Amino acid sequence: MGHFNIAVEQVDELIDLARREVDLAVSLHDFTRMLNDNLNASEKIQVIELLWQVAFADAVLDKYEEYYIRKIADLLYISHKDYIRTKHRVAATNDS
């Protein structure tokens, strides 16, 4: 399904797991630590790009969406230049 070629059943399972984990999480560090340990710089930028795609999906960028993407980008050690470049690239794609 979509970007990751995951079956619908697996998506439902991942959503259930995410809901349980978010209830136990103290901060975003709990989630970004695993990404930092397992992804290279290019893959981390792809994560930020996917987050922008979600944020722009309804054609309205909420200030909280932008805040969390910025926070996650910082925790993933994404440069401000790459954060902005990715935001503009996704925004331009949605304008088309």
PDB file of N, CA and C in Angstrom:
ATOM      1  N   MET A   1       0.844  -1.184   0.000  1.00  0.00           N
ATOM      2  CA  MET A   1       0.000   0.000   0.000  1.00  0.00           C
ATOM      3  C   MET A   1       0.880   1.236   0.000  1.00  0.00           C
ATOM      4  N   GLY A   2       0.689   2.130  -0.966  1.00  0.00           N
ATOM      5  CA  GLY A   2       1.377   3.406  -0.993  1.00  0.00           C
ATOM      6  C   GLY A   2       2.886   3.299  -1.098  1.00  0.00           C
ATOM      7  N   HIS A   3       3.539   4.190  -0.430  1.00  0.00           N
ATOM      8  CA  HIS A   3       4.988   4.354  -0.498  1.00  0.00           C
ATOM      9  C   HIS A   3       5.772   3.111  -0.070  1.00  0.00           C
ATOM     10  N   PHE A   4       5.287   2.414   0.919  1.00  0.00           N
ATOM     11  CA  PHE A   4       6.042   1.301   1.493  1.00  0.00           C
ATOM     12  C   PHE A   4       5.588  -0.076   1.020  1.00  0.00           C
ATOM     13  N   ASN A   5       4.611  -0.141   0.144  1.00  0.00           N
ATOM     14  CA  ASN A   5       4.103  -1.422  -0.353  1.00  0.00           C
ATOM     15  C   ASN A   5       3.734  -2.364   0.792  1.00  0.00           C
ATOM     16  N   ILE A   6       2.933  -1.864   1.701  1.00  0.00           N
ATOM     17  CA  ILE A   6       2.500  -2.632   2.868  1.00  0.00           C
ATOM     18  C   ILE A   6       1.031  -2.995   2.682  1.00  0.00           C
ATOM     19  N   ALA A   7       0.694  -4.225   3.000  1.00  0.00           N
ATOM     20  CA  ALA A   7      -0.699  -4.679   2.908  1.00  0.00           C
ATOM     21  C   ALA A   7      -1.562  -3.926   3.919  1.00  0.00           C
ATOM     22  N   VAL A   8      -2.825  -3.769   3.603  1.00  0.00           N
ATOM     23  CA  VAL A   8      -3.763  -3.051   4.462  1.00  0.00           C
ATOM     24  C   VAL A   8      -3.781  -3.631   5.870  1.00  0.00           C
ATOM     25  N   GLU A   9      -3.737  -4.953   5.971  1.00  0.00           N
ATOM     26  CA  GLU A   9      -3.745  -5.597   7.292  1.00  0.00           C
ATOM     27  C   GLU A   9      -2.522  -5.176   8.107  1.00  0.00           C
ATOM     28  N   GLN A  10      -1.382  -5.087   7.446  1.00  0.00           N
ATOM     29  CA  GLN A  10      -0.160  -4.673   8.128  1.00  0.00           C
ATOM     30  C   GLN A  10      -0.244  -3.205   8.555  1.00  0.00           C
ATOM     31  N   VAL A  11      -0.858  -2.383   7.734  1.00  0.00           N
ATOM     32  CA  VAL A  11      -1.036  -0.970   8.076  1.00  0.00           C
ATOM     33  C   VAL A  11      -1.884  -0.864   9.332  1.00  0.00           C
ATOM     34  N   ASP A  12      -2.976  -1.604   9.384  1.00  0.00           N
ATOM     35  CA  ASP A  12      -3.845  -1.589  10.568  1.00  0.00           C
ATOM     36  C   ASP A  12      -3.083  -2.028  11.810  1.00  0.00           C
ATOM     37  N   GLU A  13      -2.259  -3.050  11.646  1.00  0.00           N
ATOM     38  CA  GLU A  13      -1.456  -3.557  12.754  1.00  0.00           C
ATOM     39  C   GLU A  13      -0.445  -2.501  13.221  1.00  0.00           C
ATOM     40  N   LEU A  14       0.190  -1.824  12.263  1.00  0.00           N
ATOM     41  CA  LEU A  14       1.155  -0.768  12.604  1.00  0.00           C
ATOM     42  C   LEU A  14       0.483   0.410  13.307  1.00  0.00           C
ATOM     43  N   ILE A  15      -0.711   0.757  12.864  1.00  0.00           N
ATOM     44  CA  ILE A  15      -1.444   1.853  13.500  1.00  0.00           C
ATOM     45  C   ILE A  15      -1.798   1.486  14.934  1.00  0.00           C
ATOM     46  N   ASP A  16      -2.254   0.260  15.149  1.00  0.00           N
ATOM     47  CA  ASP A  16      -2.561  -0.185  16.516  1.00  0.00           C
ATOM     48  C   ASP A  16      -1.323  -0.145  17.397  1.00  0.00           C
ATOM     49  N   LEU A  17      -0.208  -0.622  16.870  1.00  0.00           N
ATOM     50  CA  LEU A  17       1.047  -0.595  17.616  1.00  0.00           C
ATOM     51  C   LEU A  17       1.462   0.841  17.917  1.00  0.00           C
ATOM     52  N   ALA A  18       1.353   1.713  16.935  1.00  0.00           N
ATOM     53  CA  ALA A  18       1.723   3.122  17.135  1.00  0.00           C
ATOM     54  C   ALA A  18       0.862   3.769  18.216  1.00  0.00           C
ATOM     55  N   ARG A  19      -0.411   3.465  18.225  1.00  0.00           N
ATOM     56  CA  ARG A  19      -1.302   4.027  19.254  1.00  0.00           C
ATOM     57  C   ARG A  19      -0.885   3.577  20.651  1.00  0.00           C
ATOM     58  N   ARG A  20      -0.513   2.308  20.771  1.00  0.00           N
ATOM     59  CA  ARG A  20      -0.063   1.812  22.077  1.00  0.00           C
ATOM     60  C   ARG A  20       1.255   2.462  22.489  1.00  0.00           C
ATOM     61  N   GLU A  21       2.168   2.564  21.557  1.00  0.00           N
ATOM     62  CA  GLU A  21       3.486   3.132  21.848  1.00  0.00           C
ATOM     63  C   GLU A  21       3.402   4.611  22.197  1.00  0.00           C
ATOM     64  N   VAL A  22       2.559   5.353  21.501  1.00  0.00           N
ATOM     65  CA  VAL A  22       2.468   6.791  21.760  1.00  0.00           C
ATOM     66  C   VAL A  22       1.931   7.049  23.166  1.00  0.00           C
ATOM     67  N   ASP A  23       1.105   6.172  23.666  1.00  0.00           N
ATOM     68  CA  ASP A  23       0.600   6.317  25.026  1.00  0.00           C
ATOM     69  C   ASP A  23       1.706   6.123  26.060  1.00  0.00           C
ATOM     70  N   LEU A  24       2.732   5.348  25.707  1.00  0.00           N
ATOM     71  CA  LEU A  24       3.834   5.065  26.625  1.00  0.00           C
ATOM     72  C   LEU A  24       5.010   6.030  26.459  1.00  0.00           C
ATOM     73  N   ALA A  25       5.054   6.713  25.340  1.00  0.00           N
ATOM     74  CA  ALA A  25       6.197   7.567  25.034  1.00  0.00           C
ATOM     75  C   ALA A  25       6.202   8.821  25.897  1.00  0.00           C
ATOM     76  N   VAL A  26       7.398   9.198  26.303  1.00  0.00           N
ATOM     77  CA  VAL A  26       7.573  10.403  27.100  1.00  0.00           C
ATOM     78  C   VAL A  26       7.889  11.594  26.197  1.00  0.00           C
ATOM     79  N   SER A  27       8.625  11.334  25.114  1.00  0.00           N
ATOM     80  CA  SER A  27       9.009  12.422  24.214  1.00  0.00           C
ATOM     81  C   SER A  27       9.250  11.885  22.812  1.00  0.00           C
ATOM     82  N   LEU A  28       9.508  12.796  21.895  1.00  0.00           N
ATOM     83  CA  LEU A  28       9.824  12.399  20.526  1.00  0.00           C
ATOM     84  C   LEU A  28      11.158  11.671  20.436  1.00  0.00           C
ATOM     85  N   HIS A  29      12.003  11.866  21.443  1.00  0.00           N
ATOM     86  CA  HIS A  29      13.307  11.182  21.462  1.00  0.00           C
ATOM     87  C   HIS A  29      13.134   9.669  21.402  1.00  0.00           C
ATOM     88  N   ASP A  30      12.071   9.169  22.014  1.00  0.00           N
ATOM     89  CA  ASP A  30      11.825   7.722  22.002  1.00  0.00           C
ATOM     90  C   ASP A  30      11.685   7.194  20.580  1.00  0.00           C
ATOM     91  N   PHE A  31      11.105   8.004  19.715  1.00  0.00           N
ATOM     92  CA  PHE A  31      10.867   7.582  18.338  1.00  0.00           C
ATOM     93  C   PHE A  31      12.057   7.885  17.435  1.00  0.00           C
ATOM     94  N   THR A  32      12.660   9.048  17.618  1.00  0.00           N
ATOM     95  CA  THR A  32      13.750   9.445  16.723  1.00  0.00           C
ATOM     96  C   THR A  32      15.057   8.723  17.016  1.00  0.00           C
ATOM     97  N   ARG A  33      15.235   8.228  18.202  1.00  0.00           N
ATOM     98  CA  ARG A  33      16.462   7.492  18.538  1.00  0.00           C
ATOM     99  C   ARG A  33      16.638   6.291  17.604  1.00  0.00           C
ATOM    100  N   MET A  34      15.574   5.542  17.395  1.00  0.00           N
ATOM    101  CA  MET A  34      15.641   4.379  16.513  1.00  0.00           C
ATOM    102  C   MET A  34      15.976   4.810  15.081  1.00  0.00           C
ATOM    103  N   LEU A  35      15.376   5.904  14.632  1.00  0.00           N
ATOM    104  CA  LEU A  35      15.666   6.385  13.281  1.00  0.00           C
ATOM    105  C   LEU A  35      17.122   6.811  13.159  1.00  0.00           C
ATOM    106  N   ASN A  36      17.622   7.521  14.152  1.00  0.00           N
ATOM    107  CA  ASN A  36      19.027   7.940  14.123  1.00  0.00           C
ATOM    108  C   ASN A  36      19.978   6.763  14.113  1.00  0.00           C
ATOM    109  N   ASP A  37      19.616   5.711  14.815  1.00  0.00           N
ATOM    110  CA  ASP A  37      20.474   4.528  14.890  1.00  0.00           C
ATOM    111  C   ASP A  37      20.467   3.696  13.608  1.00  0.00           C
ATOM    112  N   ASN A  38      19.401   3.817  12.818  1.00  0.00           N
ATOM    113  CA  ASN A  38      19.237   2.899  11.689  1.00  0.00           C
ATOM    114  C   ASN A  38      19.184   3.538  10.308  1.00  0.00           C
ATOM    115  N   LEU A  39      19.111   4.852  10.228  1.00  0.00           N
ATOM    116  CA  LEU A  39      18.995   5.499   8.920  1.00  0.00           C
ATOM    117  C   LEU A  39      20.213   6.366   8.630  1.00  0.00           C
ATOM    118  N   ASN A  40      20.554   6.470   7.353  1.00  0.00           N
ATOM    119  CA  ASN A  40      21.607   7.399   6.963  1.00  0.00           C
ATOM    120  C   ASN A  40      20.979   8.780   6.714  1.00  0.00           C
ATOM    121  N   ALA A  41      21.793   9.762   6.404  1.00  0.00           N
ATOM    122  CA  ALA A  41      21.309  11.138   6.249  1.00  0.00           C
ATOM    123  C   ALA A  41      20.240  11.244   5.163  1.00  0.00           C
ATOM    124  N   SER A  42      20.459  10.585   4.049  1.00  0.00           N
ATOM    125  CA  SER A  42      19.506  10.620   2.942  1.00  0.00           C
ATOM    126  C   SER A  42      18.154  10.028   3.351  1.00  0.00           C
ATOM    127  N   GLU A  43      18.183   8.933   4.066  1.00  0.00           N
ATOM    128  CA  GLU A  43      16.939   8.285   4.515  1.00  0.00           C
ATOM    129  C   GLU A  43      16.204   9.158   5.538  1.00  0.00           C
ATOM    130  N   LYS A  44      16.943   9.856   6.368  1.00  0.00           N
ATOM    131  CA  LYS A  44      16.309  10.764   7.338  1.00  0.00           C
ATOM    132  C   LYS A  44      15.602  11.908   6.616  1.00  0.00           C
ATOM    133  N   ILE A  45      16.224  12.419   5.557  1.00  0.00           N
ATOM    134  CA  ILE A  45      15.582  13.475   4.768  1.00  0.00           C
ATOM    135  C   ILE A  45      14.313  12.939   4.116  1.00  0.00           C
ATOM    136  N   GLN A  46      14.337  11.683   3.693  1.00  0.00           N
ATOM    137  CA  GLN A  46      13.133  11.067   3.121  1.00  0.00           C
ATOM    138  C   GLN A  46      12.010  11.005   4.155  1.00  0.00           C
ATOM    139  N   VAL A  47      12.355  10.742   5.411  1.00  0.00           N
ATOM    140  CA  VAL A  47      11.354  10.730   6.484  1.00  0.00           C
ATOM    141  C   VAL A  47      10.718  12.115   6.595  1.00  0.00           C
ATOM    142  N   ILE A  48      11.534  13.151   6.580  1.00  0.00           N
ATOM    143  CA  ILE A  48      11.016  14.517   6.667  1.00  0.00           C
ATOM    144  C   ILE A  48      10.141  14.825   5.455  1.00  0.00           C
ATOM    145  N   GLU A  49      10.560  14.362   4.291  1.00  0.00           N
ATOM    146  CA  GLU A  49       9.753  14.570   3.091  1.00  0.00           C
ATOM    147  C   GLU A  49       8.379  13.899   3.224  1.00  0.00           C
ATOM    148  N   LEU A  50       8.356  12.699   3.754  1.00  0.00           N
ATOM    149  CA  LEU A  50       7.076  12.006   3.961  1.00  0.00           C
ATOM    150  C   LEU A  50       6.203  12.751   4.964  1.00  0.00           C
ATOM    151  N   LEU A  51       6.818  13.298   5.997  1.00  0.00           N
ATOM    152  CA  LEU A  51       6.045  14.086   6.974  1.00  0.00           C
ATOM    153  C   LEU A  51       5.454  15.329   6.320  1.00  0.00           C
ATOM    154  N   TRP A  52       6.231  15.990   5.449  1.00  0.00           N
ATOM    155  CA  TRP A  52       5.687  17.138   4.720  1.00  0.00           C
ATOM    156  C   TRP A  52       4.523  16.715   3.827  1.00  0.00           C
ATOM    157  N   GLN A  53       4.641  15.563   3.191  1.00  0.00           N
ATOM    158  CA  GLN A  53       3.542  15.100   2.334  1.00  0.00           C
ATOM    159  C   GLN A  53       2.267  14.919   3.144  1.00  0.00           C
ATOM    160  N   VAL A  54       2.400  14.386   4.342  1.00  0.00           N
ATOM    161  CA  VAL A  54       1.231  14.228   5.215  1.00  0.00           C
ATOM    162  C   VAL A  54       0.689  15.602   5.598  1.00  0.00           C
ATOM    163  N   ALA A  55       1.578  16.514   5.961  1.00  0.00           N
ATOM    164  CA  ALA A  55       1.150  17.848   6.389  1.00  0.00           C
ATOM    165  C   ALA A  55       0.425  18.604   5.276  1.00  0.00           C
ATOM    166  N   PHE A  56       0.895  18.449   4.048  1.00  0.00           N
ATOM    167  CA  PHE A  56       0.281  19.152   2.923  1.00  0.00           C
ATOM    168  C   PHE A  56      -0.880  18.382   2.289  1.00  0.00           C
ATOM    169  N   ALA A  57      -1.182  17.204   2.784  1.00  0.00           N
ATOM    170  CA  ALA A  57      -2.210  16.353   2.164  1.00  0.00           C
ATOM    171  C   ALA A  57      -3.567  17.026   2.081  1.00  0.00           C
ATOM    172  N   ASP A  58      -3.901  17.842   3.062  1.00  0.00           N
ATOM    173  CA  ASP A  58      -5.199  18.522   3.043  1.00  0.00           C
ATOM    174  C   ASP A  58      -5.099  19.942   2.495  1.00  0.00           C
ATOM    175  N   ALA A  59      -3.942  20.283   1.924  1.00  0.00           N
ATOM    176  CA  ALA A  59      -3.683  21.596   1.316  1.00  0.00           C
ATOM    177  C   ALA A  59      -3.661  22.741   2.330  1.00  0.00           C
ATOM    178  N   VAL A  60      -3.617  22.405   3.608  1.00  0.00           N
ATOM    179  CA  VAL A  60      -3.531  23.417   4.668  1.00  0.00           C
ATOM    180  C   VAL A  60      -2.406  23.009   5.609  1.00  0.00           C
ATOM    181  N   LEU A  61      -1.414  23.889   5.737  1.00  0.00           N
ATOM    182  CA  LEU A  61      -0.302  23.599   6.639  1.00  0.00           C
ATOM    183  C   LEU A  61      -0.604  24.232   7.994  1.00  0.00           C
ATOM    184  N   ASP A  62      -0.880  23.384   8.948  1.00  0.00           N
ATOM    185  CA  ASP A  62      -1.176  23.835  10.308  1.00  0.00           C
ATOM    186  C   ASP A  62       0.123  24.171  11.025  1.00  0.00           C
ATOM    187  N   LYS A  63       0.096  25.176  11.896  1.00  0.00           N
ATOM    188  CA  LYS A  63       1.313  25.577  12.605  1.00  0.00           C
ATOM    189  C   LYS A  63       1.860  24.444  13.479  1.00  0.00           C
ATOM    190  N   TYR A  64       0.985  23.593  13.978  1.00  0.00           N
ATOM    191  CA  TYR A  64       1.441  22.475  14.808  1.00  0.00           C
ATOM    192  C   TYR A  64       2.117  21.397  13.966  1.00  0.00           C
ATOM    193  N   GLU A  65       1.618  21.189  12.742  1.00  0.00           N
ATOM    194  CA  GLU A  65       2.278  20.247  11.834  1.00  0.00           C
ATOM    195  C   GLU A  65       3.701  20.728  11.552  1.00  0.00           C
ATOM    196  N   GLU A  66       3.809  21.993  11.228  1.00  0.00           N
ATOM    197  CA  GLU A  66       5.129  22.556  10.926  1.00  0.00           C
ATOM    198  C   GLU A  66       6.047  22.486  12.147  1.00  0.00           C
ATOM    199  N   TYR A  67       5.507  22.783  13.318  1.00  0.00           N
ATOM    200  CA  TYR A  67       6.287  22.724  14.549  1.00  0.00           C
ATOM    201  C   TYR A  67       6.855  21.318  14.773  1.00  0.00           C
ATOM    202  N   TYR A  68       6.015  20.309  14.645  1.00  0.00           N
ATOM    203  CA  TYR A  68       6.470  18.937  14.893  1.00  0.00           C
ATOM    204  C   TYR A  68       7.453  18.453  13.834  1.00  0.00           C
ATOM    205  N   ILE A  69       7.253  18.846  12.602  1.00  0.00           N
ATOM    206  CA  ILE A  69       8.208  18.443  11.570  1.00  0.00           C
ATOM    207  C   ILE A  69       9.562  19.099  11.838  1.00  0.00           C
ATOM    208  N   ARG A  70       9.546  20.365  12.242  1.00  0.00           N
ATOM    209  CA  ARG A  70      10.802  21.057  12.576  1.00  0.00           C
ATOM    210  C   ARG A  70      11.490  20.359  13.751  1.00  0.00           C
ATOM    211  N   LYS A  71      10.719  20.017  14.761  1.00  0.00           N
ATOM    212  CA  LYS A  71      11.250  19.355  15.951  1.00  0.00           C
ATOM    213  C   LYS A  71      11.868  18.006  15.581  1.00  0.00           C
ATOM    214  N   ILE A  72      11.156  17.233  14.780  1.00  0.00           N
ATOM    215  CA  ILE A  72      11.655  15.918  14.357  1.00  0.00           C
ATOM    216  C   ILE A  72      12.904  16.082  13.499  1.00  0.00           C
ATOM    217  N   ALA A  73      12.906  17.071  12.607  1.00  0.00           N
ATOM    218  CA  ALA A  73      14.090  17.322  11.781  1.00  0.00           C
ATOM    219  C   ALA A  73      15.294  17.646  12.658  1.00  0.00           C
ATOM    220  N   ASP A  74      15.087  18.447  13.686  1.00  0.00           N
ATOM    221  CA  ASP A  74      16.180  18.757  14.615  1.00  0.00           C
ATOM    222  C   ASP A  74      16.682  17.496  15.313  1.00  0.00           C
ATOM    223  N   LEU A  75      15.772  16.677  15.765  1.00  0.00           N
ATOM    224  CA  LEU A  75      16.157  15.449  16.470  1.00  0.00           C
ATOM    225  C   LEU A  75      16.854  14.442  15.553  1.00  0.00           C
ATOM    226  N   LEU A  76      16.585  14.552  14.252  1.00  0.00           N
ATOM    227  CA  LEU A  76      17.242  13.676  13.278  1.00  0.00           C
ATOM    228  C   LEU A  76      18.513  14.322  12.712  1.00  0.00           C
ATOM    229  N   TYR A  77      18.871  15.475  13.242  1.00  0.00           N
ATOM    230  CA  TYR A  77      20.073  16.198  12.812  1.00  0.00           C
ATOM    231  C   TYR A  77      20.027  16.573  11.338  1.00  0.00           C
ATOM    232  N   ILE A  78      18.834  16.951  10.890  1.00  0.00           N
ATOM    233  CA  ILE A  78      18.641  17.444   9.522  1.00  0.00           C
ATOM    234  C   ILE A  78      18.968  18.932   9.533  1.00  0.00           C
ATOM    235  N   SER A  79      19.781  19.384   8.601  1.00  0.00           N
ATOM    236  CA  SER A  79      20.133  20.800   8.548  1.00  0.00           C
ATOM    237  C   SER A  79      18.898  21.636   8.205  1.00  0.00           C
ATOM    238  N   HIS A  80      18.932  22.876   8.624  1.00  0.00           N
ATOM    239  CA  HIS A  80      17.810  23.782   8.329  1.00  0.00           C
ATOM    240  C   HIS A  80      17.650  23.930   6.814  1.00  0.00           C
ATOM    241  N   LYS A  81      18.766  23.954   6.105  1.00  0.00           N
ATOM    242  CA  LYS A  81      18.732  24.066   4.644  1.00  0.00           C
ATOM    243  C   LYS A  81      17.974  22.884   4.036  1.00  0.00           C
ATOM    244  N   ASP A  82      18.260  21.659   4.487  1.00  0.00           N
ATOM    245  CA  ASP A  82      17.571  20.474   3.959  1.00  0.00           C
ATOM    246  C   ASP A  82      16.104  20.451   4.380  1.00  0.00           C
ATOM    247  N   TYR A  83      15.829  20.905   5.590  1.00  0.00           N
ATOM    248  CA  TYR A  83      14.447  20.995   6.083  1.00  0.00           C
ATOM    249  C   TYR A  83      13.630  21.917   5.172  1.00  0.00           C
ATOM    250  N   ILE A  84      14.160  23.101   4.887  1.00  0.00           N
ATOM    251  CA  ILE A  84      13.457  24.083   4.048  1.00  0.00           C
ATOM    252  C   ILE A  84      13.371  23.605   2.604  1.00  0.00           C
ATOM    253  N   ARG A  85      14.461  23.061   2.081  1.00  0.00           N
ATOM    254  CA  ARG A  85      14.477  22.564   0.699  1.00  0.00           C
ATOM    255  C   ARG A  85      13.406  21.481   0.517  1.00  0.00           C
ATOM    256  N   THR A  86      13.310  20.586   1.477  1.00  0.00           N
ATOM    257  CA  THR A  86      12.326  19.501   1.410  1.00  0.00           C
ATOM    258  C   THR A  86      10.914  20.054   1.494  1.00  0.00           C
ATOM    259  N   LYS A  87      10.704  21.013   2.387  1.00  0.00           N
ATOM    260  CA  LYS A  87       9.385  21.639   2.523  1.00  0.00           C
ATOM    261  C   LYS A  87       8.952  22.276   1.202  1.00  0.00           C
ATOM    262  N   HIS A  88       9.847  23.038   0.592  1.00  0.00           N
ATOM    263  CA  HIS A  88       9.513  23.716  -0.669  1.00  0.00           C
ATOM    264  C   HIS A  88       9.277  22.731  -1.810  1.00  0.00           C
ATOM    265  N   ARG A  89      10.058  21.667  -1.847  1.00  0.00           N
ATOM    266  CA  ARG A  89       9.891  20.655  -2.891  1.00  0.00           C
ATOM    267  C   ARG A  89       8.502  19.995  -2.794  1.00  0.00           C
ATOM    268  N   VAL A  90       8.102  19.636  -1.576  1.00  0.00           N
ATOM    269  CA  VAL A  90       6.799  18.990  -1.387  1.00  0.00           C
ATOM    270  C   VAL A  90       5.668  19.988  -1.636  1.00  0.00           C
ATOM    271  N   ALA A  91       5.841  21.214  -1.172  1.00  0.00           N
ATOM    272  CA  ALA A  91       4.808  22.235  -1.383  1.00  0.00           C
ATOM    273  C   ALA A  91       4.600  22.493  -2.878  1.00  0.00           C
ATOM    274  N   ALA A  92       5.697  22.557  -3.637  1.00  0.00           N
ATOM    275  CA  ALA A  92       5.602  22.772  -5.087  1.00  0.00           C
ATOM    276  C   ALA A  92       4.891  21.616  -5.764  1.00  0.00           C
ATOM    277  N   THR A  93       5.138  20.405  -5.304  1.00  0.00           N
ATOM    278  CA  THR A  93       4.481  19.223  -5.862  1.00  0.00           C
ATOM    279  C   THR A  93       2.976  19.287  -5.608  1.00  0.00           C
ATOM    280  N   ASN A  94       2.589  19.779  -4.435  1.00  0.00           N
ATOM    281  CA  ASN A  94       1.164  19.858  -4.095  1.00  0.00           C
ATOM    282  C   ASN A  94       0.468  20.992  -4.832  1.00  0.00           C
ATOM    283  N   ASP A  95       1.209  22.012  -5.248  1.00  0.00           N
ATOM    284  CA  ASP A  95       0.619  23.123  -5.989  1.00  0.00           C
ATOM    285  C   ASP A  95       0.301  22.749  -7.422  1.00  0.00           C
ATOM    286  N   SER A  96       0.941  21.692  -7.910  1.00  0.00           N
ATOM    287  CA  SER A  96       0.756  21.280  -9.308  1.00  0.00           C
ATOM    288  C   SER A  96      -0.555  20.605  -9.533  1.00  0.00           C
TER     289      SER A  96
END
